Amino acid sequence: MAKILPLLGVILMVLHIVRPLGLPGLRRRRDFWKIALVMLAALGMTALLRE
């Protein structure tokens, strides 16, 4: 799971730059960094829950 999350994050960020996803808070192309923050939090939660 911890190896899949970064890959999904990169794919989502590239897709968002090509065509914005239109979700609340992700309406402009320059909002791709928010996806990175969510992925970072998800990786942190995965690391905490793994033990």
Protein backbone atom coordinates (compact mmCIF):
# COMPACT_ATOMS: atom_id res chain seq x y z
CA MET A 1 0.00 0.00 0.00
CA ALA A 2 2.81 2.39 0.84
CA LYS A 3 4.36 1.86 -2.59
CA ILE A 4 1.10 2.35 -4.48
CA LEU A 5 0.15 5.70 -2.90
CA PRO A 6 3.05 7.72 -4.35
CA LEU A 7 2.41 6.28 -7.80
CA LEU A 8 -1.28 7.16 -7.60
CA GLY A 9 -0.38 10.65 -6.39
CA VAL A 10 1.92 11.29 -9.33
CA ILE A 11 -0.68 9.98 -11.78
CA LEU A 12 -3.38 12.19 -10.26
CA MET A 13 -1.11 15.24 -10.36
CA VAL A 14 -0.24 14.68 -14.03
CA LEU A 15 -3.89 14.15 -14.93
CA HIS A 16 -4.84 17.29 -13.04
CA ILE A 17 -2.26 19.37 -14.90
CA VAL A 18 -3.50 18.03 -18.25
CA ARG A 19 -7.16 18.51 -17.40
CA PRO A 20 -8.33 19.86 -14.01
CA LEU A 21 -10.38 17.33 -12.04
CA GLY A 22 -13.09 19.85 -11.11
CA LEU A 23 -13.38 18.71 -7.51
CA PRO A 24 -13.94 21.35 -4.82
CA GLY A 25 -10.56 22.98 -4.21
CA LEU A 26 -9.09 21.49 -7.39
CA ARG A 27 -10.62 23.64 -10.08
CA ARG A 28 -7.43 25.25 -11.46
CA ARG A 29 -4.31 23.63 -12.91
CA ARG A 30 -2.09 25.35 -10.36
CA ASP A 31 -3.87 23.50 -7.51
CA PHE A 32 -1.98 20.25 -8.24
CA TRP A 33 0.16 20.78 -5.13
CA LYS A 34 -2.89 20.08 -2.95
CA ILE A 35 -2.91 16.53 -4.27
CA ALA A 36 0.70 16.20 -3.09
CA LEU A 37 -0.27 17.35 0.41
CA VAL A 38 -3.09 14.81 0.60
CA MET A 39 -0.76 12.06 -0.59
CA LEU A 40 1.85 13.06 2.00
CA ALA A 41 -0.78 12.85 4.74
CA ALA A 42 -1.94 9.47 3.43
CA LEU A 43 1.63 8.16 3.49
CA GLY A 44 2.03 9.41 7.04
CA MET A 45 -1.16 7.68 8.14
CA THR A 46 -0.04 4.47 6.44
CA ALA A 47 3.27 4.60 8.28
CA LEU A 48 1.58 5.24 11.62
CA LEU A 49 -1.02 2.50 11.20
CA ARG A 50 1.47 -0.04 9.93
CA GLU A 51 3.01 -0.71 13.33
